[in-house]
C-alpha atoms as a PDB file:
ATOM      1  CA  UNK A   1     226.294  18.155 249.760  1.00  0.00           C
ATOM      2  CA  UNK A   2     226.066  19.137 246.090  1.00  0.00           C
ATOM      3  CA  UNK A   3     224.910  22.656 245.161  1.00  0.00           C
ATOM      4  CA  UNK A   4     221.814  21.244 243.425  1.00  0.00           C
ATOM      5  CA  UNK A   5     220.834  19.139 246.443  1.00  0.00           C
ATOM      6  CA  UNK A   6     221.490  22.104 248.751  1.00  0.00           C
ATOM      7  CA  UNK A   7     219.324  24.410 246.606  1.00  0.00           C
ATOM      8  CA  UNK A   8     216.484  21.869 246.598  1.00  0.00           C
ATOM      9  CA  UNK A   9     216.766  21.604 250.377  1.00  0.00           C
ATOM     10  CA  UNK A  10     216.554  25.390 250.630  1.00  0.00           C
ATOM     11  CA  UNK A  11     213.549  25.453 248.302  1.00  0.00           C
ATOM     12  CA  UNK A  12     211.756  22.691 250.196  1.00  0.00           C
ATOM     13  CA  UNK A  13     212.537  24.304 253.544  1.00  0.00           C
ATOM     14  CA  UNK A  14     211.287  27.737 252.585  1.00  0.00           C
ATOM     15  CA  UNK A  15     208.205  26.200 251.003  1.00  0.00           C
ATOM     16  CA  UNK A  16     207.527  24.203 254.165  1.00  0.00           C
ATOM     17  CA  UNK A  17     207.741  27.295 256.362  1.00  0.00           C
ATOM     18  CA  UNK A  18     205.509  29.383 254.089  1.00  0.00           C
ATOM     19  CA  UNK A  19     203.027  26.517 253.770  1.00  0.00           C
ATOM     20  CA  UNK A  20     202.926  25.935 257.515  1.00  0.00           C
ATOM     21  CA  UNK A  21     202.265  29.611 258.231  1.00  0.00           C
ATOM     22  CA  UNK A  22     199.527  29.789 255.602  1.00  0.00           C
ATOM     23  CA  UNK A  23     197.998  26.472 256.711  1.00  0.00           C
ATOM     24  CA  UNK A  24     197.940  27.587 260.330  1.00  0.00           C
ATOM     25  CA  UNK A  25     196.255  30.855 259.380  1.00  0.00           C
ATOM     26  CA  UNK A  26     193.603  29.074 257.334  1.00  0.00           C
ATOM     27  CA  UNK A  27     193.098  26.345 259.949  1.00  0.00           C
ATOM     28  CA  UNK A  28     192.708  28.863 262.777  1.00  0.00           C
ATOM     29  CA  UNK A  29     189.094  29.340 261.739  1.00  0.00           C
ATOM     30  CA  UNK A  30     188.488  25.902 263.237  1.00  0.00           C
ATOM     31  CA  UNK A  31     190.194  26.738 266.532  1.00  0.00           C
ATOM     32  CA  UNK A  32     193.500  25.546 268.041  1.00  0.00           C
ATOM     33  CA  UNK A  33     193.274  22.030 266.587  1.00  0.00           C
ATOM     34  CA  UNK A  34     192.564  23.506 263.164  1.00  0.00           C
ATOM     35  CA  UNK A  35     195.604  25.733 263.518  1.00  0.00           C
ATOM     36  CA  UNK A  36     197.840  22.766 264.322  1.00  0.00           C
ATOM     37  CA  UNK A  37     196.402  20.566 261.573  1.00  0.00           C
ATOM     38  CA  UNK A  38     196.614  23.413 259.069  1.00  0.00           C
ATOM     39  CA  UNK A  39     200.264  23.992 259.942  1.00  0.00           C
ATOM     40  CA  UNK A  40     201.152  20.326 259.436  1.00  0.00           C
ATOM     41  CA  UNK A  41     199.295  19.950 256.144  1.00  0.00           C
ATOM     42  CA  UNK A  42     200.501  23.338 254.919  1.00  0.00           C
ATOM     43  CA  UNK A  43     204.093  22.427 255.789  1.00  0.00           C
ATOM     44  CA  UNK A  44     203.978  19.188 253.793  1.00  0.00           C
ATOM     45  CA  UNK A  45     202.313  20.801 250.771  1.00  0.00           C
ATOM     46  CA  UNK A  46     204.615  23.814 251.000  1.00  0.00           C
ATOM     47  CA  UNK A  47     207.748  21.636 251.083  1.00  0.00           C
ATOM     48  CA  UNK A  48     206.684  19.907 247.886  1.00  0.00           C
ATOM     49  CA  UNK A  49     205.858  23.203 246.205  1.00  0.00           C
ATOM     50  CA  UNK A  50     209.100  24.821 247.374  1.00  0.00           C
ATOM     51  CA  UNK A  51     211.127  21.915 246.039  1.00  0.00           C
ATOM     52  CA  UNK A  52     209.389  22.176 242.656  1.00  0.00           C
ATOM     53  CA  UNK A  53     210.113  25.922 242.533  1.00  0.00           C
ATOM     54  CA  UNK A  54     213.783  25.154 243.254  1.00  0.00           C
ATOM     55  CA  UNK A  55     213.747  22.899 240.165  1.00  0.00           C
ATOM     56  CA  UNK A  56     213.278  26.009 238.011  1.00  0.00           C
ATOM     57  CA  UNK A  57     214.566  28.881 240.154  1.00  0.00           C
ATOM     58  CA  UNK A  58     217.775  28.188 242.009  1.00  0.00           C
ATOM     59  CA  UNK A  59     217.435  30.073 245.310  1.00  0.00           C
ATOM     60  CA  UNK A  60     221.150  30.902 245.446  1.00  0.00           C
ATOM     61  CA  UNK A  61     221.141  32.377 241.937  1.00  0.00           C
ATOM     62  CA  UNK A  62     217.809  34.103 242.631  1.00  0.00           C
ATOM     63  CA  UNK A  63     219.265  35.918 245.642  1.00  0.00           C
ATOM     64  CA  UNK A  64     222.453  36.855 243.761  1.00  0.00           C
ATOM     65  CA  UNK A  65     220.409  38.239 240.857  1.00  0.00           C
ATOM     66  CA  UNK A  66     218.405  40.584 243.070  1.00  0.00           C
ATOM     67  CA  UNK A  67     221.413  41.600 245.131  1.00  0.00           C
ATOM     68  CA  UNK A  68     223.095  42.725 241.881  1.00  0.00           C
ATOM     69  CA  UNK A  69     219.999  44.427 240.454  1.00  0.00           C
ATOM     70  CA  UNK A  70     217.963  45.952 243.300  1.00  0.00           C
ATOM     71  CA  UNK A  71     219.489  49.440 243.033  1.00  0.00           C
ATOM     72  CA  UNK A  72     218.454  49.574 239.349  1.00  0.00           C
ATOM     73  CA  UNK A  73     214.832  48.683 240.026  1.00  0.00           C
ATOM     74  CA  UNK A  74     212.294  51.465 239.372  1.00  0.00           C
ATOM     75  CA  UNK A  75     210.964  51.082 242.927  1.00  0.00           C
ATOM     76  CA  UNK A  76     214.380  51.469 244.585  1.00  0.00           C
ATOM     77  CA  UNK A  77     214.385  54.219 247.220  1.00  0.00           C
ATOM     78  CA  UNK A  78     217.680  56.120 247.266  1.00  0.00           C
ATOM     79  CA  UNK A  79     219.670  55.414 250.414  1.00  0.00           C
ATOM     80  CA  UNK A  80     218.090  52.013 250.997  1.00  0.00           C
ATOM     81  CA  UNK A  81     220.336  49.041 251.629  1.00  0.00           C
ATOM     82  CA  UNK A  82     220.280  45.420 250.474  1.00  0.00           C
ATOM     83  CA  UNK A  83     219.173  44.530 254.010  1.00  0.00           C
ATOM     84  CA  UNK A  84     215.986  46.513 253.373  1.00  0.00           C
ATOM     85  CA  UNK A  85     215.122  44.748 250.114  1.00  0.00           C
ATOM     86  CA  UNK A  86     216.401  41.217 250.724  1.00  0.00           C
ATOM     87  CA  UNK A  87     213.514  40.261 253.051  1.00  0.00           C
ATOM     88  CA  UNK A  88     210.979  41.368 250.398  1.00  0.00           C
ATOM     89  CA  UNK A  89     212.652  39.260 247.691  1.00  0.00           C
ATOM     90  CA  UNK A  90     212.854  36.311 250.092  1.00  0.00           C
ATOM     91  CA  UNK A  91     209.194  36.815 251.021  1.00  0.00           C
ATOM     92  CA  UNK A  92     208.278  36.691 247.340  1.00  0.00           C
ATOM     93  CA  UNK A  93     210.240  33.470 246.872  1.00  0.00           C
ATOM     94  CA  UNK A  94     208.803  31.908 250.010  1.00  0.00           C
ATOM     95  CA  UNK A  95     205.178  32.793 249.284  1.00  0.00           C
ATOM     96  CA  UNK A  96     205.032  32.152 245.543  1.00  0.00           C
ATOM     97  CA  UNK A  97     204.700  28.349 245.854  1.00  0.00           C
ATOM     98  CA  UNK A  98     201.712  28.702 248.174  1.00  0.00           C
ATOM     99  CA  UNK A  99     199.872  30.992 245.756  1.00  0.00           C
ATOM    100  CA  UNK A 100     201.188  29.567 242.484  1.00  0.00           C
ATOM    101  CA  UNK A 101     198.719  30.025 239.665  1.00  0.00           C
ATOM    102  CA  UNK A 102     197.139  33.117 241.234  1.00  0.00           C
ATOM    103  CA  UNK A 103     197.924  36.723 240.485  1.00  0.00           C
ATOM    104  CA  UNK A 104     199.688  38.803 243.102  1.00  0.00           C
ATOM    105  CA  UNK A 105     196.785  41.275 243.042  1.00  0.00           C
ATOM    106  CA  UNK A 106     194.444  38.454 244.117  1.00  0.00           C
ATOM    107  CA  UNK A 107     196.491  37.613 247.224  1.00  0.00           C
ATOM    108  CA  UNK A 108     197.997  40.977 248.083  1.00  0.00           C
ATOM    109  CA  UNK A 109     195.941  41.408 251.262  1.00  0.00           C
ATOM    110  CA  UNK A 110     197.263  38.092 252.614  1.00  0.00           C
ATOM    111  CA  UNK A 111     200.801  39.061 251.729  1.00  0.00           C
ATOM    112  CA  UNK A 112     200.424  42.507 253.253  1.00  0.00           C
ATOM    113  CA  UNK A 113     199.239  40.970 256.527  1.00  0.00           C
ATOM    114  CA  UNK A 114     202.256  38.644 256.590  1.00  0.00           C
ATOM    115  CA  UNK A 115     204.828  41.317 255.743  1.00  0.00           C
ATOM    116  CA  UNK A 116     205.322  42.527 259.310  1.00  0.00           C
ATOM    117  CA  UNK A 117     206.358  39.004 260.370  1.00  0.00           C
ATOM    118  CA  UNK A 118     208.540  38.449 257.304  1.00  0.00           C
ATOM    119  CA  UNK A 119     210.285  41.820 257.138  1.00  0.00           C
ATOM    120  CA  UNK A 120     212.821  41.256 259.902  1.00  0.00           C
ATOM    121  CA  UNK A 121     215.004  44.376 260.101  1.00  0.00           C
ATOM    122  CA  UNK A 122     213.844  45.785 256.753  1.00  0.00           C
ATOM    123  CA  UNK A 123     212.889  49.456 256.899  1.00  0.00           C
ATOM    124  CA  UNK A 124     210.452  49.057 254.003  1.00  0.00           C
ATOM    125  CA  UNK A 125     206.767  49.495 254.661  1.00  0.00           C
ATOM    126  CA  UNK A 126     204.438  47.261 252.663  1.00  0.00           C
ATOM    127  CA  UNK A 127     203.922  49.742 249.766  1.00  0.00           C
ATOM    128  CA  UNK A 128     207.674  49.710 248.999  1.00  0.00           C
ATOM    129  CA  UNK A 129     208.127  46.020 249.767  1.00  0.00           C
ATOM    130  CA  UNK A 130     205.130  45.145 247.576  1.00  0.00           C
ATOM    131  CA  UNK A 131     206.979  46.200 244.426  1.00  0.00           C
ATOM    132  CA  UNK A 132     210.004  44.068 245.308  1.00  0.00           C
ATOM    133  CA  UNK A 133     207.712  41.111 246.034  1.00  0.00           C
ATOM    134  CA  UNK A 134     205.981  41.701 242.691  1.00  0.00           C
ATOM    135  CA  UNK A 135     209.373  41.797 240.967  1.00  0.00           C
ATOM    136  CA  UNK A 136     210.333  38.518 242.628  1.00  0.00           C
ATOM    137  CA  UNK A 137     207.067  36.855 241.565  1.00  0.00           C
ATOM    138  CA  UNK A 138     207.626  38.003 237.955  1.00  0.00           C
ATOM    139  CA  UNK A 139     211.151  36.609 238.064  1.00  0.00           C
ATOM    140  CA  UNK A 140     209.820  33.223 239.187  1.00  0.00           C
ATOM    141  CA  UNK A 141     206.919  33.295 236.715  1.00  0.00           C
ATOM    142  CA  UNK A 142     209.299  33.874 233.814  1.00  0.00           C
ATOM    143  CA  UNK A 143     211.283  30.810 234.874  1.00  0.00           C
ATOM    144  CA  UNK A 144     208.320  28.498 235.536  1.00  0.00           C
ATOM    145  CA  UNK A 145     206.762  26.751 232.536  1.00  0.00           C
ATOM    146  CA  UNK A 146     203.194  27.931 232.030  1.00  0.00           C
ATOM    147  CA  UNK A 147     203.185  30.593 234.753  1.00  0.00           C
ATOM    148  CA  UNK A 148     204.470  33.682 232.928  1.00  0.00           C
ATOM    149  CA  UNK A 149     201.089  34.546 231.468  1.00  0.00           C
ATOM    150  CA  UNK A 150     199.281  34.619 234.827  1.00  0.00           C
ATOM    151  CA  UNK A 151     199.893  38.215 235.805  1.00  0.00           C
ATOM    152  CA  UNK A 152     198.526  39.924 232.714  1.00  0.00           C
ATOM    153  CA  UNK A 153     201.500  42.256 232.351  1.00  0.00           C
END
């Protein structure tokens, strides 16, 4: 499989997962059937969005960039490891397609609620992870045509 095809598959897959989780959460207001329907619809929409993000932000290069740079970030906590920050950068990449066009501040509560599920073995609490997620969103926004002006930096 070519690197480009692989990266699009990664982008579509992460978008599908993020979309399914968000769709299930939104659909849960309608009960169990709403949860299931929301997950299906969210997964389809998320896969499309994730694939379009992968058009502009190669997930392999994205990860490598942050792995090289995380210790230089102003939010880096001395003694933290890549394994602490990687889930936050991945969470930013995975959630951005679902919220594309909205500012992080507008959706922060949703993201905060999802952090405990997304964090894996990360030792970062949401306040520290939030800055890495914000950094990841800015990285994507700079790469996406028409999105860089959304955050009002």
